[in-house]
Amino acid sequence: MELFFSLNVSYEAFLPYYQGVAEKVQVRDHKGRVLHINGKYFRPYLTPNGIHGEFKLVLCPDGNFKSLNKL
């Protein structure tokens, strides 16, 4: 299953997820579904300006995480 969403968060706002203090990032996909994604999957996309862009979340048939890619 592929889910698409936008994320725009500042560096400061993402720090608790990067540091492991907070775990799940809550986003709403383009179809209106609420997703809870482990913050560790966003670490490669963190810049000094934060995380900004369109993403594709891919889940395995059992609903587990497969991949997260910035589009």
PDB file of N, CA and C in Angstrom:
ATOM      1  N   MET A   1       0.841  -1.174   0.000  1.00  0.00           N
ATOM      2  CA  MET A   1       0.000   0.000   0.000  1.00  0.00           C
ATOM      3  C   MET A   1       0.886   1.237   0.000  1.00  0.00           C
ATOM      4  N   GLU A   2       0.526   2.213  -0.816  1.00  0.00           N
ATOM      5  CA  GLU A   2       1.263   3.470  -0.896  1.00  0.00           C
ATOM      6  C   GLU A   2       0.380   4.600  -0.397  1.00  0.00           C
ATOM      7  N   LEU A   3       0.942   5.436   0.477  1.00  0.00           N
ATOM      8  CA  LEU A   3       0.233   6.575   1.050  1.00  0.00           C
ATOM      9  C   LEU A   3       1.063   7.823   0.799  1.00  0.00           C
ATOM     10  N   PHE A   4       0.409   8.886   0.377  1.00  0.00           N
ATOM     11  CA  PHE A   4       1.102  10.120   0.028  1.00  0.00           C
ATOM     12  C   PHE A   4       0.668  11.244   0.967  1.00  0.00           C
ATOM     13  N   PHE A   5       1.645  12.059   1.388  1.00  0.00           N
ATOM     14  CA  PHE A   5       1.342  13.164   2.291  1.00  0.00           C
ATOM     15  C   PHE A   5       2.414  14.239   2.174  1.00  0.00           C
ATOM     16  N   SER A   6       2.075  15.433   2.667  1.00  0.00           N
ATOM     17  CA  SER A   6       3.011  16.557   2.740  1.00  0.00           C
ATOM     18  C   SER A   6       3.437  16.725   4.187  1.00  0.00           C
ATOM     19  N   LEU A   7       4.653  17.203   4.370  1.00  0.00           N
ATOM     20  CA  LEU A   7       5.126  17.505   5.717  1.00  0.00           C
ATOM     21  C   LEU A   7       5.938  18.787   5.662  1.00  0.00           C
ATOM     22  N   ASN A   8       5.590  19.716   6.527  1.00  0.00           N
ATOM     23  CA  ASN A   8       6.320  20.977   6.666  1.00  0.00           C
ATOM     24  C   ASN A   8       6.496  21.238   8.148  1.00  0.00           C
ATOM     25  N   VAL A   9       7.694  20.962   8.648  1.00  0.00           N
ATOM     26  CA  VAL A   9       7.968  21.127  10.076  1.00  0.00           C
ATOM     27  C   VAL A   9       9.352  21.757  10.235  1.00  0.00           C
ATOM     28  N   SER A  10       9.468  22.674  11.178  1.00  0.00           N
ATOM     29  CA  SER A  10      10.750  23.350  11.396  1.00  0.00           C
ATOM     30  C   SER A  10      11.745  22.407  12.071  1.00  0.00           C
ATOM     31  N   TYR A  11      13.000  22.784  11.996  1.00  0.00           N
ATOM     32  CA  TYR A  11      14.067  22.013  12.644  1.00  0.00           C
ATOM     33  C   TYR A  11      13.803  21.895  14.135  1.00  0.00           C
ATOM     34  N   GLU A  12      13.451  23.016  14.762  1.00  0.00           N
ATOM     35  CA  GLU A  12      13.211  23.030  16.207  1.00  0.00           C
ATOM     36  C   GLU A  12      12.029  22.141  16.590  1.00  0.00           C
ATOM     37  N   ALA A  13      10.981  22.172  15.789  1.00  0.00           N
ATOM     38  CA  ALA A  13       9.801  21.366  16.093  1.00  0.00           C
ATOM     39  C   ALA A  13      10.083  19.869  15.928  1.00  0.00           C
ATOM     40  N   PHE A  14      11.027  19.508  15.054  1.00  0.00           N
ATOM     41  CA  PHE A  14      11.327  18.096  14.827  1.00  0.00           C
ATOM     42  C   PHE A  14      12.354  17.536  15.805  1.00  0.00           C
ATOM     43  N   LEU A  15      13.095  18.386  16.499  1.00  0.00           N
ATOM     44  CA  LEU A  15      14.161  17.922  17.393  1.00  0.00           C
ATOM     45  C   LEU A  15      13.728  16.841  18.390  1.00  0.00           C
ATOM     46  N   PRO A  16      12.576  16.928  19.036  1.00  0.00           N
ATOM     47  CA  PRO A  16      12.198  15.849  19.966  1.00  0.00           C
ATOM     48  C   PRO A  16      12.105  14.480  19.293  1.00  0.00           C
ATOM     49  N   TYR A  17      11.704  14.461  18.025  1.00  0.00           N
ATOM     50  CA  TYR A  17      11.620  13.189  17.292  1.00  0.00           C
ATOM     51  C   TYR A  17      13.016  12.709  16.920  1.00  0.00           C
ATOM     52  N   TYR A  18      13.869  13.640  16.527  1.00  0.00           N
ATOM     53  CA  TYR A  18      15.240  13.298  16.156  1.00  0.00           C
ATOM     54  C   TYR A  18      16.001  12.749  17.363  1.00  0.00           C
ATOM     55  N   GLN A  19      15.759  13.337  18.512  1.00  0.00           N
ATOM     56  CA  GLN A  19      16.465  12.937  19.732  1.00  0.00           C
ATOM     57  C   GLN A  19      15.854  11.705  20.386  1.00  0.00           C
ATOM     58  N   GLY A  20      14.709  11.265  19.892  1.00  0.00           N
ATOM     59  CA  GLY A  20      14.069  10.085  20.470  1.00  0.00           C
ATOM     60  C   GLY A  20      13.185  10.382  21.672  1.00  0.00           C
ATOM     61  N   VAL A  21      13.000  11.655  22.010  1.00  0.00           N
ATOM     62  CA  VAL A  21      12.139  12.037  23.124  1.00  0.00           C
ATOM     63  C   VAL A  21      10.679  11.788  22.748  1.00  0.00           C
ATOM     64  N   ALA A  22      10.320  12.141  21.520  1.00  0.00           N
ATOM     65  CA  ALA A  22       8.987  11.863  20.972  1.00  0.00           C
ATOM     66  C   ALA A  22       9.157  10.773  19.918  1.00  0.00           C
ATOM     67  N   GLU A  23       8.137   9.939  19.742  1.00  0.00           N
ATOM     68  CA  GLU A  23       8.310   8.805  18.838  1.00  0.00           C
ATOM     69  C   GLU A  23       7.522   8.923  17.541  1.00  0.00           C
ATOM     70  N   LYS A  24       6.230   9.124  17.626  1.00  0.00           N
ATOM     71  CA  LYS A  24       5.374   9.063  16.433  1.00  0.00           C
ATOM     72  C   LYS A  24       5.042  10.454  15.897  1.00  0.00           C
ATOM     73  N   VAL A  25       5.264  10.626  14.606  1.00  0.00           N
ATOM     74  CA  VAL A  25       4.879  11.842  13.904  1.00  0.00           C
ATOM     75  C   VAL A  25       3.481  11.596  13.340  1.00  0.00           C
ATOM     76  N   GLN A  26       2.565  12.507  13.622  1.00  0.00           N
ATOM     77  CA  GLN A  26       1.202  12.367  13.110  1.00  0.00           C
ATOM     78  C   GLN A  26       1.045  13.246  11.883  1.00  0.00           C
ATOM     79  N   VAL A  27       0.626  12.639  10.781  1.00  0.00           N
ATOM     80  CA  VAL A  27       0.382  13.371   9.538  1.00  0.00           C
ATOM     81  C   VAL A  27      -0.970  12.922   8.983  1.00  0.00           C
ATOM     82  N   ARG A  28      -1.502  13.715   8.075  1.00  0.00           N
ATOM     83  CA  ARG A  28      -2.743  13.359   7.390  1.00  0.00           C
ATOM     84  C   ARG A  28      -2.395  13.167   5.919  1.00  0.00           C
ATOM     85  N   ASP A  29      -2.722  11.994   5.382  1.00  0.00           N
ATOM     86  CA  ASP A  29      -2.394  11.743   3.977  1.00  0.00           C
ATOM     87  C   ASP A  29      -3.357  12.510   3.074  1.00  0.00           C
ATOM     88  N   HIS A  30      -3.096  12.454   1.759  1.00  0.00           N
ATOM     89  CA  HIS A  30      -3.877  13.230   0.807  1.00  0.00           C
ATOM     90  C   HIS A  30      -5.328  12.761   0.701  1.00  0.00           C
ATOM     91  N   LYS A  31      -5.639  11.592   1.243  1.00  0.00           N
ATOM     92  CA  LYS A  31      -7.025  11.092   1.246  1.00  0.00           C
ATOM     93  C   LYS A  31      -7.707  11.341   2.589  1.00  0.00           C
ATOM     94  N   GLY A  32      -7.008  12.043   3.498  1.00  0.00           N
ATOM     95  CA  GLY A  32      -7.602  12.411   4.772  1.00  0.00           C
ATOM     96  C   GLY A  32      -7.367  11.434   5.912  1.00  0.00           C
ATOM     97  N   ARG A  33      -6.639  10.358   5.670  1.00  0.00           N
ATOM     98  CA  ARG A  33      -6.355   9.381   6.729  1.00  0.00           C
ATOM     99  C   ARG A  33      -5.249   9.895   7.642  1.00  0.00           C
ATOM    100  N   VAL A  34      -5.399   9.660   8.938  1.00  0.00           N
ATOM    101  CA  VAL A  34      -4.385  10.052   9.918  1.00  0.00           C
ATOM    102  C   VAL A  34      -3.374   8.913  10.038  1.00  0.00           C
ATOM    103  N   LEU A  35      -2.099   9.260   9.881  1.00  0.00           N
ATOM    104  CA  LEU A  35      -1.017   8.278   9.959  1.00  0.00           C
ATOM    105  C   LEU A  35      -0.120   8.629  11.136  1.00  0.00           C
ATOM    106  N   HIS A  36       0.386   7.601  11.804  1.00  0.00           N
ATOM    107  CA  HIS A  36       1.360   7.771  12.884  1.00  0.00           C
ATOM    108  C   HIS A  36       2.627   7.051  12.459  1.00  0.00           C
ATOM    109  N   ILE A  37       3.671   7.811  12.163  1.00  0.00           N
ATOM    110  CA  ILE A  37       4.907   7.268  11.600  1.00  0.00           C
ATOM    111  C   ILE A  37       6.048   7.518  12.571  1.00  0.00           C
ATOM    112  N   ASN A  38       6.850   6.503  12.811  1.00  0.00           N
ATOM    113  CA  ASN A  38       7.986   6.644  13.706  1.00  0.00           C
ATOM    114  C   ASN A  38       8.915   7.740  13.188  1.00  0.00           C
ATOM    115  N   GLY A  39       9.262   8.668  14.060  1.00  0.00           N
ATOM    116  CA  GLY A  39      10.100   9.802  13.685  1.00  0.00           C
ATOM    117  C   GLY A  39      11.456   9.416  13.127  1.00  0.00           C
ATOM    118  N   LYS A  40      11.963   8.255  13.497  1.00  0.00           N
ATOM    119  CA  LYS A  40      13.295   7.856  13.015  1.00  0.00           C
ATOM    120  C   LYS A  40      13.354   7.737  11.496  1.00  0.00           C
ATOM    121  N   TYR A  41      12.215   7.470  10.865  1.00  0.00           N
ATOM    122  CA  TYR A  41      12.205   7.326   9.412  1.00  0.00           C
ATOM    123  C   TYR A  41      12.371   8.659   8.687  1.00  0.00           C
ATOM    124  N   PHE A  42      12.167   9.767   9.387  1.00  0.00           N
ATOM    125  CA  PHE A  42      12.308  11.085   8.785  1.00  0.00           C
ATOM    126  C   PHE A  42      13.713  11.653   8.952  1.00  0.00           C
ATOM    127  N   ARG A  43      14.545  11.047   9.764  1.00  0.00           N
ATOM    128  CA  ARG A  43      15.884  11.593  10.046  1.00  0.00           C
ATOM    129  C   ARG A  43      16.700  11.889   8.791  1.00  0.00           C
ATOM    130  N   PRO A  44      16.685  11.030   7.762  1.00  0.00           N
ATOM    131  CA  PRO A  44      17.498  11.345   6.573  1.00  0.00           C
ATOM    132  C   PRO A  44      17.058  12.619   5.844  1.00  0.00           C
ATOM    133  N   TYR A  45      15.855  13.075   6.110  1.00  0.00           N
ATOM    134  CA  TYR A  45      15.315  14.227   5.396  1.00  0.00           C
ATOM    135  C   TYR A  45      15.402  15.529   6.197  1.00  0.00           C
ATOM    136  N   LEU A  46      15.966  15.476   7.390  1.00  0.00           N
ATOM    137  CA  LEU A  46      16.079  16.662   8.232  1.00  0.00           C
ATOM    138  C   LEU A  46      17.221  17.548   7.749  1.00  0.00           C
ATOM    139  N   THR A  47      16.910  18.818   7.524  1.00  0.00           N
ATOM    140  CA  THR A  47      17.902  19.812   7.121  1.00  0.00           C
ATOM    141  C   THR A  47      17.896  20.929   8.175  1.00  0.00           C
ATOM    142  N   PRO A  48      18.812  21.877   8.096  1.00  0.00           N
ATOM    143  CA  PRO A  48      18.770  23.010   9.029  1.00  0.00           C
ATOM    144  C   PRO A  48      17.457  23.802   8.959  1.00  0.00           C
ATOM    145  N   ASN A  49      16.727  23.669   7.865  1.00  0.00           N
ATOM    146  CA  ASN A  49      15.435  24.343   7.715  1.00  0.00           C
ATOM    147  C   ASN A  49      14.272  23.469   8.167  1.00  0.00           C
ATOM    148  N   GLY A  50      14.535  22.251   8.573  1.00  0.00           N
ATOM    149  CA  GLY A  50      13.489  21.331   8.994  1.00  0.00           C
ATOM    150  C   GLY A  50      13.231  20.270   7.942  1.00  0.00           C
ATOM    151  N   ILE A  51      11.997  19.810   7.888  1.00  0.00           N
ATOM    152  CA  ILE A  51      11.595  18.802   6.900  1.00  0.00           C
ATOM    153  C   ILE A  51      10.429  19.391   6.122  1.00  0.00           C
ATOM    154  N   HIS A  52      10.610  19.492   4.812  1.00  0.00           N
ATOM    155  CA  HIS A  52       9.587  20.100   3.963  1.00  0.00           C
ATOM    156  C   HIS A  52       9.497  19.303   2.671  1.00  0.00           C
ATOM    157  N   GLY A  53       8.277  18.942   2.295  1.00  0.00           N
ATOM    158  CA  GLY A  53       8.102  18.278   1.011  1.00  0.00           C
ATOM    159  C   GLY A  53       6.973  17.279   0.990  1.00  0.00           C
ATOM    160  N   GLU A  54       6.905  16.595  -0.134  1.00  0.00           N
ATOM    161  CA  GLU A  54       5.927  15.539  -0.372  1.00  0.00           C
ATOM    162  C   GLU A  54       6.618  14.193  -0.139  1.00  0.00           C
ATOM    163  N   PHE A  55       5.886  13.269   0.479  1.00  0.00           N
ATOM    164  CA  PHE A  55       6.449  11.962   0.824  1.00  0.00           C
ATOM    165  C   PHE A  55       5.530  10.837   0.387  1.00  0.00           C
ATOM    166  N   LYS A  56       6.153   9.682   0.164  1.00  0.00           N
ATOM    167  CA  LYS A  56       5.415   8.455  -0.119  1.00  0.00           C
ATOM    168  C   LYS A  56       5.797   7.419   0.927  1.00  0.00           C
ATOM    169  N   LEU A  57       4.810   6.949   1.670  1.00  0.00           N
ATOM    170  CA  LEU A  57       4.996   5.887   2.657  1.00  0.00           C
ATOM    171  C   LEU A  57       4.513   4.584   2.035  1.00  0.00           C
ATOM    172  N   VAL A  58       5.350   3.573   2.055  1.00  0.00           N
ATOM    173  CA  VAL A  58       4.980   2.265   1.518  1.00  0.00           C
ATOM    174  C   VAL A  58       4.881   1.285   2.676  1.00  0.00           C
ATOM    175  N   LEU A  59       3.764   0.586   2.759  1.00  0.00           N
ATOM    176  CA  LEU A  59       3.538  -0.411   3.797  1.00  0.00           C
ATOM    177  C   LEU A  59       3.523  -1.806   3.188  1.00  0.00           C
ATOM    178  N   CYS A  60       3.988  -2.780   3.952  1.00  0.00           N
ATOM    179  CA  CYS A  60       3.918  -4.187   3.563  1.00  0.00           C
ATOM    180  C   CYS A  60       2.453  -4.627   3.592  1.00  0.00           C
ATOM    181  N   PRO A  61       2.130  -5.757   2.978  1.00  0.00           N
ATOM    182  CA  PRO A  61       0.750  -6.250   3.011  1.00  0.00           C
ATOM    183  C   PRO A  61       0.197  -6.415   4.428  1.00  0.00           C
ATOM    184  N   ASP A  62       1.062  -6.677   5.412  1.00  0.00           N
ATOM    185  CA  ASP A  62       0.604  -6.839   6.796  1.00  0.00           C
ATOM    186  C   ASP A  62       0.467  -5.500   7.530  1.00  0.00           C
ATOM    187  N   GLY A  63       0.731  -4.388   6.823  1.00  0.00           N
ATOM    188  CA  GLY A  63       0.574  -3.067   7.406  1.00  0.00           C
ATOM    189  C   GLY A  63       1.822  -2.505   8.059  1.00  0.00           C
ATOM    190  N   ASN A  64       2.903  -3.258   8.058  1.00  0.00           N
ATOM    191  CA  ASN A  64       4.166  -2.784   8.650  1.00  0.00           C
ATOM    192  C   ASN A  64       4.927  -1.890   7.683  1.00  0.00           C
ATOM    193  N   PHE A  65       5.800  -1.064   8.236  1.00  0.00           N
ATOM    194  CA  PHE A  65       6.604  -0.135   7.465  1.00  0.00           C
ATOM    195  C   PHE A  65       7.481  -0.863   6.451  1.00  0.00           C
ATOM    196  N   LYS A  66       7.524  -0.335   5.233  1.00  0.00           N
ATOM    197  CA  LYS A  66       8.441  -0.849   4.209  1.00  0.00           C
ATOM    198  C   LYS A  66       9.448   0.230   3.807  1.00  0.00           C
ATOM    199  N   SER A  67       8.932   1.430   3.454  1.00  0.00           N
ATOM    200  CA  SER A  67       9.858   2.502   3.073  1.00  0.00           C
ATOM    201  C   SER A  67       9.159   3.858   3.152  1.00  0.00           C
ATOM    202  N   LEU A  68      10.003   4.905   3.231  1.00  0.00           N
ATOM    203  CA  LEU A  68       9.529   6.279   3.216  1.00  0.00           C
ATOM    204  C   LEU A  68      10.453   7.032   2.265  1.00  0.00           C
ATOM    205  N   ASN A  69       9.879   7.648   1.253  1.00  0.00           N
ATOM    206  CA  ASN A  69      10.668   8.351   0.262  1.00  0.00           C
ATOM    207  C   ASN A  69      10.138   9.759   0.054  1.00  0.00           C
ATOM    208  N   LYS A  70      11.067  10.694  -0.074  1.00  0.00           N
ATOM    209  CA  LYS A  70      10.691  12.067  -0.404  1.00  0.00           C
ATOM    210  C   LYS A  70      10.555  12.145  -1.912  1.00  0.00           C
ATOM    211  N   LEU A  71       9.493  12.754  -2.371  1.00  0.00           N
ATOM    212  CA  LEU A  71       9.231  12.854  -3.803  1.00  0.00           C
ATOM    213  C   LEU A  71       9.808  14.129  -4.396  1.00  0.00           C
TER     214      LEU A  71
END
